[in-house]
N, C-alpha and C. Protein backbone atom coordinates (compact mmCIF):
# COMPACT_ATOMS: atom_id res chain seq x y z
N MET A 1 110.02 124.52 80.06
CA MET A 1 110.24 125.54 81.06
C MET A 1 109.53 125.19 82.36
N ILE A 2 108.33 124.65 82.25
CA ILE A 2 107.57 124.28 83.44
C ILE A 2 108.31 123.21 84.23
N LYS A 3 109.00 122.29 83.54
CA LYS A 3 109.72 121.24 84.26
C LYS A 3 110.81 121.83 85.15
N TYR A 4 111.43 122.91 84.70
CA TYR A 4 112.44 123.55 85.53
C TYR A 4 111.82 124.17 86.77
N TYR A 5 110.78 124.95 86.58
CA TYR A 5 110.13 125.59 87.73
C TYR A 5 109.50 124.56 88.67
N SER A 6 109.14 123.40 88.15
CA SER A 6 108.58 122.36 89.02
C SER A 6 109.64 121.85 90.01
N VAL A 7 110.91 121.94 89.66
CA VAL A 7 111.99 121.58 90.59
C VAL A 7 111.93 122.52 91.80
N SER A 8 111.84 123.82 91.53
CA SER A 8 111.73 124.80 92.62
C SER A 8 110.49 124.57 93.46
N LEU A 9 109.37 124.34 92.78
CA LEU A 9 108.11 124.12 93.49
C LEU A 9 108.19 122.89 94.39
N PHE A 10 108.80 121.81 93.89
CA PHE A 10 108.96 120.60 94.70
C PHE A 10 109.77 120.90 95.96
N ILE A 11 110.87 121.63 95.82
CA ILE A 11 111.72 121.96 96.98
C ILE A 11 110.95 122.83 97.97
N ILE A 12 110.22 123.82 97.47
CA ILE A 12 109.44 124.70 98.35
C ILE A 12 108.40 123.89 99.12
N ILE A 13 107.67 123.03 98.43
CA ILE A 13 106.63 122.22 99.09
C ILE A 13 107.24 121.28 100.12
N LEU A 14 108.32 120.57 99.75
CA LEU A 14 108.97 119.67 100.70
C LEU A 14 109.49 120.44 101.91
N ASP A 15 110.10 121.57 101.66
CA ASP A 15 110.63 122.40 102.75
C ASP A 15 109.51 122.85 103.69
N GLN A 16 108.43 123.38 103.14
CA GLN A 16 107.35 123.89 103.97
C GLN A 16 106.59 122.77 104.70
N LEU A 17 106.43 121.62 104.04
CA LEU A 17 105.76 120.49 104.72
C LEU A 17 106.58 119.98 105.90
N THR A 18 107.88 119.87 105.72
CA THR A 18 108.72 119.37 106.81
C THR A 18 108.75 120.38 107.96
N LYS A 19 108.80 121.66 107.64
CA LYS A 19 108.78 122.69 108.68
C LYS A 19 107.43 122.70 109.39
N TRP A 20 106.35 122.55 108.64
CA TRP A 20 105.01 122.50 109.23
C TRP A 20 104.94 121.35 110.23
N PHE A 21 105.47 120.18 109.85
CA PHE A 21 105.47 119.02 110.75
C PHE A 21 106.20 119.34 112.05
N VAL A 22 107.37 119.95 111.93
CA VAL A 22 108.16 120.27 113.12
C VAL A 22 107.43 121.28 114.00
N VAL A 23 106.92 122.34 113.42
CA VAL A 23 106.24 123.40 114.18
C VAL A 23 105.00 122.86 114.89
N HIS A 24 104.26 121.97 114.23
CA HIS A 24 103.00 121.50 114.79
C HIS A 24 103.12 120.25 115.67
N ASN A 25 104.28 119.62 115.69
CA ASN A 25 104.42 118.39 116.46
C ASN A 25 105.55 118.40 117.49
N MET A 26 106.33 119.49 117.52
CA MET A 26 107.46 119.54 118.43
C MET A 26 107.54 120.91 119.09
N GLU A 27 108.01 120.94 120.30
CA GLU A 27 108.33 122.20 120.96
C GLU A 27 109.78 122.55 120.60
N VAL A 28 110.10 123.83 120.63
CA VAL A 28 111.48 124.24 120.37
C VAL A 28 112.39 123.53 121.38
N GLY A 29 113.43 122.91 120.89
CA GLY A 29 114.36 122.17 121.74
C GLY A 29 114.10 120.68 121.79
N ASP A 30 112.89 120.24 121.40
CA ASP A 30 112.60 118.79 121.35
C ASP A 30 113.46 118.14 120.28
N ARG A 31 113.89 116.91 120.57
CA ARG A 31 114.72 116.16 119.61
C ARG A 31 114.17 114.76 119.45
N ILE A 32 114.07 114.34 118.19
CA ILE A 32 113.70 112.97 117.86
C ILE A 32 114.95 112.30 117.30
N SER A 33 115.38 111.25 117.98
CA SER A 33 116.55 110.51 117.52
C SER A 33 116.18 109.67 116.31
N VAL A 34 116.97 109.79 115.26
CA VAL A 34 116.78 108.97 114.07
C VAL A 34 117.89 107.93 114.01
N TRP A 35 119.12 108.39 114.17
CA TRP A 35 120.28 107.49 114.18
C TRP A 35 121.26 108.07 115.20
N ASP A 36 121.01 107.72 116.45
CA ASP A 36 121.73 108.31 117.57
C ASP A 36 123.19 107.90 117.57
N PRO A 37 124.09 108.78 117.84
CA PRO A 37 123.94 110.21 118.09
C PRO A 37 124.14 111.06 116.83
N TRP A 38 124.28 110.42 115.67
CA TRP A 38 124.72 111.13 114.47
C TRP A 38 123.64 111.90 113.72
N PHE A 39 122.39 111.53 113.88
CA PHE A 39 121.35 112.19 113.11
C PHE A 39 120.04 112.24 113.89
N GLY A 40 119.43 113.42 113.89
CA GLY A 40 118.15 113.57 114.57
C GLY A 40 117.37 114.76 114.04
N ILE A 41 116.14 114.85 114.50
CA ILE A 41 115.28 115.99 114.19
C ILE A 41 115.20 116.82 115.46
N LEU A 42 115.71 118.04 115.41
CA LEU A 42 115.77 118.93 116.56
C LEU A 42 115.06 120.23 116.22
N SER A 43 113.98 120.52 116.90
CA SER A 43 113.21 121.73 116.64
C SER A 43 113.99 122.96 117.10
N HIS A 44 114.30 123.81 116.14
CA HIS A 44 115.13 124.98 116.40
C HIS A 44 114.62 126.15 115.56
N ARG A 45 114.81 127.38 116.02
CA ARG A 45 114.43 128.56 115.25
C ARG A 45 115.66 129.44 115.07
N ASN A 46 115.71 130.09 113.93
CA ASN A 46 116.87 130.92 113.59
C ASN A 46 116.36 132.25 113.04
N ARG A 47 116.76 133.33 113.67
CA ARG A 47 116.39 134.67 113.20
C ARG A 47 117.53 135.31 112.43
N GLY A 48 118.49 134.49 112.02
CA GLY A 48 119.63 135.00 111.27
C GLY A 48 119.88 134.16 110.04
N ALA A 49 121.13 134.13 109.63
CA ALA A 49 121.54 133.35 108.46
C ALA A 49 122.26 132.10 108.94
N ALA A 50 122.97 131.48 108.05
CA ALA A 50 123.72 130.27 108.38
C ALA A 50 124.62 130.50 109.59
N TRP A 51 124.65 129.51 110.46
CA TRP A 51 125.46 129.54 111.68
C TRP A 51 125.07 130.69 112.59
N GLY A 52 123.84 131.18 112.45
CA GLY A 52 123.33 132.22 113.32
C GLY A 52 123.85 133.62 113.06
N MET A 53 124.50 133.83 111.91
CA MET A 53 125.02 135.16 111.61
C MET A 53 123.87 136.14 111.38
N LEU A 54 124.11 137.40 111.66
CA LEU A 54 123.16 138.50 111.43
C LEU A 54 121.81 138.27 112.11
N GLN A 55 121.84 137.80 113.34
CA GLN A 55 120.61 137.56 114.09
C GLN A 55 119.75 138.82 114.15
N GLY A 56 118.47 138.66 113.85
CA GLY A 56 117.51 139.74 113.97
C GLY A 56 117.56 140.78 112.86
N GLN A 57 118.36 140.59 111.85
CA GLN A 57 118.50 141.54 110.75
C GLN A 57 117.61 141.13 109.57
N MET A 58 116.31 140.94 109.83
CA MET A 58 115.40 140.42 108.81
C MET A 58 115.37 141.28 107.55
N TRP A 59 115.45 142.59 107.68
CA TRP A 59 115.38 143.46 106.52
C TRP A 59 116.50 143.14 105.52
N VAL A 60 117.66 142.74 106.02
CA VAL A 60 118.77 142.36 105.14
C VAL A 60 118.38 141.14 104.32
N PHE A 61 117.75 140.16 104.98
CA PHE A 61 117.37 138.93 104.28
C PHE A 61 116.25 139.17 103.27
N TYR A 62 115.34 140.07 103.58
CA TYR A 62 114.28 140.39 102.63
C TYR A 62 114.89 140.97 101.35
N ILE A 63 115.75 141.95 101.52
CA ILE A 63 116.37 142.62 100.36
C ILE A 63 117.23 141.64 99.57
N VAL A 64 118.11 140.92 100.26
CA VAL A 64 119.01 139.99 99.58
C VAL A 64 118.22 138.91 98.85
N THR A 65 117.19 138.37 99.49
CA THR A 65 116.41 137.31 98.86
C THR A 65 115.69 137.81 97.62
N ILE A 66 115.11 138.99 97.69
CA ILE A 66 114.42 139.54 96.52
C ILE A 66 115.41 139.74 95.37
N ILE A 67 116.60 140.24 95.66
CA ILE A 67 117.63 140.42 94.63
C ILE A 67 118.05 139.07 94.06
N VAL A 68 118.30 138.10 94.94
CA VAL A 68 118.72 136.77 94.49
C VAL A 68 117.65 136.12 93.62
N VAL A 69 116.40 136.17 94.06
CA VAL A 69 115.31 135.56 93.29
C VAL A 69 115.22 136.21 91.91
N GLY A 70 115.27 137.53 91.87
CA GLY A 70 115.23 138.23 90.59
C GLY A 70 116.40 137.86 89.69
N ALA A 71 117.60 137.82 90.27
CA ALA A 71 118.80 137.49 89.50
C ALA A 71 118.76 136.04 88.99
N VAL A 72 118.30 135.12 89.82
CA VAL A 72 118.23 133.72 89.41
C VAL A 72 117.24 133.55 88.26
N ILE A 73 116.08 134.17 88.38
CA ILE A 73 115.08 134.06 87.31
C ILE A 73 115.61 134.69 86.02
N TYR A 74 116.22 135.87 86.13
CA TYR A 74 116.80 136.53 84.95
C TYR A 74 117.86 135.65 84.31
N TYR A 75 118.81 135.15 85.11
CA TYR A 75 119.91 134.34 84.57
C TYR A 75 119.39 133.02 84.00
N PHE A 76 118.38 132.46 84.64
CA PHE A 76 117.79 131.24 84.11
C PHE A 76 117.24 131.47 82.70
N HIS A 77 116.50 132.55 82.53
CA HIS A 77 115.90 132.81 81.21
C HIS A 77 116.94 133.24 80.18
N LYS A 78 118.02 133.85 80.63
CA LYS A 78 119.08 134.29 79.72
C LYS A 78 120.01 133.13 79.34
N GLU A 79 120.39 132.30 80.32
CA GLU A 79 121.42 131.28 80.10
C GLU A 79 120.99 129.85 80.42
N GLY A 80 120.16 129.69 81.44
CA GLY A 80 119.92 128.37 82.00
C GLY A 80 118.88 127.52 81.30
N LYS A 81 117.90 128.13 80.66
CA LYS A 81 116.80 127.34 80.10
C LYS A 81 117.24 126.44 78.95
N ASN A 82 118.35 126.76 78.32
CA ASN A 82 118.86 125.92 77.23
C ASN A 82 120.04 125.06 77.64
N ARG A 83 120.40 125.10 78.90
CA ARG A 83 121.49 124.29 79.43
C ARG A 83 120.95 123.56 80.65
N PRO A 84 120.52 122.31 80.45
CA PRO A 84 119.77 121.59 81.49
C PRO A 84 120.41 121.57 82.88
N PHE A 85 121.69 121.25 82.97
CA PHE A 85 122.30 121.16 84.30
C PHE A 85 122.33 122.52 84.98
N LEU A 86 122.67 123.56 84.23
CA LEU A 86 122.68 124.91 84.78
C LEU A 86 121.26 125.32 85.17
N GLY A 87 120.28 125.01 84.33
CA GLY A 87 118.90 125.36 84.62
C GLY A 87 118.40 124.70 85.89
N ILE A 88 118.68 123.43 86.06
CA ILE A 88 118.25 122.71 87.27
C ILE A 88 118.97 123.28 88.50
N SER A 89 120.25 123.57 88.35
CA SER A 89 121.01 124.15 89.46
C SER A 89 120.39 125.46 89.93
N LEU A 90 120.01 126.30 88.98
CA LEU A 90 119.40 127.58 89.32
C LEU A 90 118.03 127.40 89.96
N MET A 91 117.28 126.42 89.52
CA MET A 91 115.95 126.18 90.09
C MET A 91 116.04 125.59 91.50
N VAL A 92 117.07 124.80 91.77
CA VAL A 92 117.29 124.30 93.14
C VAL A 92 117.62 125.49 94.04
N LEU A 93 118.45 126.40 93.56
CA LEU A 93 118.78 127.62 94.30
C LEU A 93 117.52 128.45 94.55
N LEU A 94 116.70 128.61 93.54
CA LEU A 94 115.47 129.38 93.67
C LEU A 94 114.53 128.76 94.72
N GLY A 95 114.36 127.46 94.68
CA GLY A 95 113.51 126.77 95.65
C GLY A 95 114.00 126.96 97.07
N GLY A 96 115.29 126.84 97.29
CA GLY A 96 115.85 127.03 98.63
C GLY A 96 115.69 128.46 99.12
N ALA A 97 115.94 129.42 98.24
CA ALA A 97 115.82 130.82 98.63
C ALA A 97 114.37 131.16 99.00
N ILE A 98 113.43 130.70 98.19
CA ILE A 98 112.03 131.00 98.46
C ILE A 98 111.54 130.27 99.71
N GLY A 99 112.01 129.04 99.93
CA GLY A 99 111.60 128.29 101.12
C GLY A 99 111.91 129.02 102.41
N ASN A 100 113.12 129.54 102.54
CA ASN A 100 113.47 130.27 103.76
C ASN A 100 112.83 131.66 103.78
N PHE A 101 112.61 132.27 102.62
CA PHE A 101 111.96 133.57 102.54
C PHE A 101 110.53 133.48 103.09
N ILE A 102 109.84 132.40 102.75
CA ILE A 102 108.48 132.20 103.26
C ILE A 102 108.49 132.18 104.78
N ASP A 103 109.45 131.49 105.38
CA ASP A 103 109.55 131.46 106.85
C ASP A 103 109.76 132.86 107.41
N ARG A 104 110.69 133.59 106.82
CA ARG A 104 111.01 134.92 107.35
C ARG A 104 109.80 135.86 107.26
N VAL A 105 109.06 135.78 106.16
CA VAL A 105 107.91 136.66 105.98
C VAL A 105 106.77 136.28 106.92
N PHE A 106 106.45 134.99 107.00
CA PHE A 106 105.25 134.56 107.74
C PHE A 106 105.51 134.17 109.19
N ARG A 107 106.74 133.82 109.54
CA ARG A 107 107.03 133.43 110.92
C ARG A 107 107.97 134.39 111.64
N GLY A 108 108.68 135.20 110.88
CA GLY A 108 109.66 136.10 111.48
C GLY A 108 110.93 135.39 111.89
N GLU A 109 111.06 134.14 111.49
CA GLU A 109 112.24 133.32 111.80
C GLU A 109 112.21 132.09 110.89
N VAL A 110 113.34 131.42 110.79
CA VAL A 110 113.44 130.22 109.96
C VAL A 110 113.40 129.00 110.87
N VAL A 111 112.60 128.02 110.47
CA VAL A 111 112.50 126.76 111.21
C VAL A 111 113.61 125.84 110.72
N ASP A 112 114.50 125.46 111.62
CA ASP A 112 115.56 124.50 111.32
C ASP A 112 115.30 123.24 112.13
N PHE A 113 115.74 122.10 111.61
CA PHE A 113 115.42 120.87 112.34
C PHE A 113 116.35 119.69 112.04
N ILE A 114 117.18 119.76 111.04
CA ILE A 114 118.06 118.63 110.72
C ILE A 114 119.33 118.77 111.53
N ASP A 115 119.56 117.82 112.42
CA ASP A 115 120.68 117.85 113.36
C ASP A 115 121.64 116.72 113.02
N VAL A 116 122.86 117.09 112.64
CA VAL A 116 123.84 116.10 112.18
C VAL A 116 125.13 116.25 112.98
N LEU A 117 125.64 115.13 113.46
CA LEU A 117 126.95 115.07 114.11
C LEU A 117 127.88 114.33 113.16
N ILE A 118 129.00 114.95 112.82
CA ILE A 118 129.98 114.31 111.93
C ILE A 118 130.97 113.57 112.81
N PRO A 119 130.84 112.22 112.87
CA PRO A 119 131.60 111.45 113.85
C PRO A 119 133.12 111.45 113.63
N ILE A 120 133.57 111.52 112.41
CA ILE A 120 135.00 111.43 112.14
C ILE A 120 135.77 112.54 112.86
N ILE A 121 135.18 113.73 112.87
CA ILE A 121 135.84 114.86 113.53
C ILE A 121 135.07 115.34 114.76
N ASN A 122 134.02 114.58 115.14
CA ASN A 122 133.20 114.90 116.30
C ASN A 122 132.69 116.34 116.25
N TYR A 123 132.14 116.72 115.09
CA TYR A 123 131.64 118.07 114.87
C TYR A 123 130.13 118.06 114.80
N ASP A 124 129.49 118.85 115.65
CA ASP A 124 128.04 119.00 115.64
C ASP A 124 127.71 120.10 114.64
N PHE A 125 127.31 119.68 113.43
CA PHE A 125 127.03 120.61 112.34
C PHE A 125 125.85 121.50 112.71
N PRO A 126 125.87 122.78 112.31
CA PRO A 126 124.73 123.66 112.62
C PRO A 126 123.42 123.08 112.08
N ILE A 127 122.36 123.24 112.84
CA ILE A 127 121.05 122.70 112.49
C ILE A 127 120.56 123.42 111.24
N PHE A 128 119.97 122.65 110.30
CA PHE A 128 119.53 123.23 109.04
C PHE A 128 118.19 122.64 108.62
N ASN A 129 117.73 123.00 107.42
CA ASN A 129 116.44 122.54 106.92
C ASN A 129 116.56 122.17 105.45
N VAL A 130 115.45 121.80 104.83
CA VAL A 130 115.46 121.38 103.42
C VAL A 130 115.90 122.54 102.52
N ALA A 131 115.42 123.74 102.78
CA ALA A 131 115.81 124.89 101.97
C ALA A 131 117.31 125.15 102.06
N ASP A 132 117.86 125.06 103.27
CA ASP A 132 119.31 125.23 103.44
C ASP A 132 120.08 124.18 102.65
N ALA A 133 119.62 122.94 102.72
CA ALA A 133 120.27 121.86 101.98
C ALA A 133 120.21 122.14 100.48
N ALA A 134 119.06 122.62 100.00
CA ALA A 134 118.92 122.94 98.58
C ALA A 134 119.88 124.06 98.18
N LEU A 135 120.01 125.07 99.03
CA LEU A 135 120.94 126.17 98.73
C LEU A 135 122.38 125.66 98.62
N THR A 136 122.77 124.82 99.55
CA THR A 136 124.13 124.28 99.54
C THR A 136 124.36 123.39 98.32
N ILE A 137 123.42 122.52 98.05
CA ILE A 137 123.53 121.63 96.89
C ILE A 137 123.58 122.44 95.61
N SER A 138 122.78 123.49 95.51
CA SER A 138 122.76 124.30 94.29
C SER A 138 124.10 125.00 94.06
N VAL A 139 124.73 125.47 95.12
CA VAL A 139 126.04 126.12 94.97
C VAL A 139 127.06 125.12 94.42
N VAL A 140 127.07 123.91 94.96
CA VAL A 140 127.98 122.87 94.45
C VAL A 140 127.67 122.58 92.98
N MET A 141 126.37 122.45 92.66
CA MET A 141 125.97 122.20 91.27
C MET A 141 126.42 123.34 90.35
N LEU A 142 126.25 124.57 90.80
CA LEU A 142 126.65 125.72 89.98
C LEU A 142 128.15 125.75 89.75
N ILE A 143 128.92 125.41 90.78
CA ILE A 143 130.38 125.34 90.62
C ILE A 143 130.72 124.32 89.54
N PHE A 144 130.11 123.13 89.61
CA PHE A 144 130.36 122.12 88.57
C PHE A 144 129.92 122.61 87.20
N ALA A 145 128.78 123.26 87.12
CA ALA A 145 128.28 123.76 85.84
C ALA A 145 129.25 124.77 85.23
N PHE A 146 129.74 125.70 86.04
CA PHE A 146 130.66 126.72 85.54
C PHE A 146 132.02 126.12 85.19
N LEU A 147 132.48 125.17 85.99
CA LEU A 147 133.75 124.50 85.67
C LEU A 147 133.64 123.72 84.36
N ARG A 148 132.51 123.06 84.17
CA ARG A 148 132.29 122.30 82.94
C ARG A 148 132.24 123.22 81.73
N GLU A 149 131.59 124.36 81.88
CA GLU A 149 131.53 125.34 80.79
C GLU A 149 132.93 125.86 80.46
N GLU A 150 133.71 126.14 81.49
CA GLU A 150 135.06 126.64 81.26
C GLU A 150 135.91 125.58 80.56
N GLN A 151 135.74 124.33 80.98
CA GLN A 151 136.48 123.23 80.35
C GLN A 151 136.12 123.12 78.86
N LYS A 152 134.83 123.26 78.55
CA LYS A 152 134.38 123.21 77.15
C LYS A 152 135.00 124.36 76.35
N GLU A 153 135.06 125.55 76.96
CA GLU A 153 135.65 126.70 76.28
C GLU A 153 137.14 126.47 76.02
N GLN A 154 137.84 125.90 76.98
CA GLN A 154 139.27 125.62 76.81
C GLN A 154 139.50 124.59 75.72
N GLU A 155 138.61 123.61 75.64
CA GLU A 155 138.73 122.59 74.58
C GLU A 155 138.50 123.21 73.21
N LYS A 156 137.59 124.16 73.10
CA LYS A 156 137.34 124.85 71.82
C LYS A 156 138.57 125.64 71.39
N VAL A 157 139.20 126.30 72.37
CA VAL A 157 140.39 127.11 72.07
C VAL A 157 141.52 126.20 71.56
N LYS A 158 141.66 125.02 72.12
CA LYS A 158 142.73 124.09 71.73
C LYS A 158 142.53 123.55 70.32
N GLN A 159 141.31 123.54 69.85
CA GLN A 159 141.03 122.96 68.52
C GLN A 159 141.40 123.88 67.44
């Protein structure tokens, strides 16, 4: 069980360390080119959700995050702890949710800094952070986990 929660802890620590670096070494709007023009570190703050939705509605994020954290922990103990891929997926989700929650509680905003330009379609992707990446990755992982479970159920029915 500890190995699962250590996944969340690793994501939270990585998220907070990277945000700490940005906050203490860059002014808002500063950009460090990593692989110009496609990838850089851009100091940005977000008082909303993904793509800037619900700006300034912190109370919504507090409530939603507390519900999500509770639901993830409950579902992990009910279903995930005995199914490794599902358990890891839930812990990645938990780490991402808590990482951004810490920002909202202690900073009143979320520190974003990963700036990506998708050259094929010339799209400047919204700036994000480690917690955001963990949330997105966890959703993809959960979709695969649920699809795999459904496939197993269908195979049982066929037998």
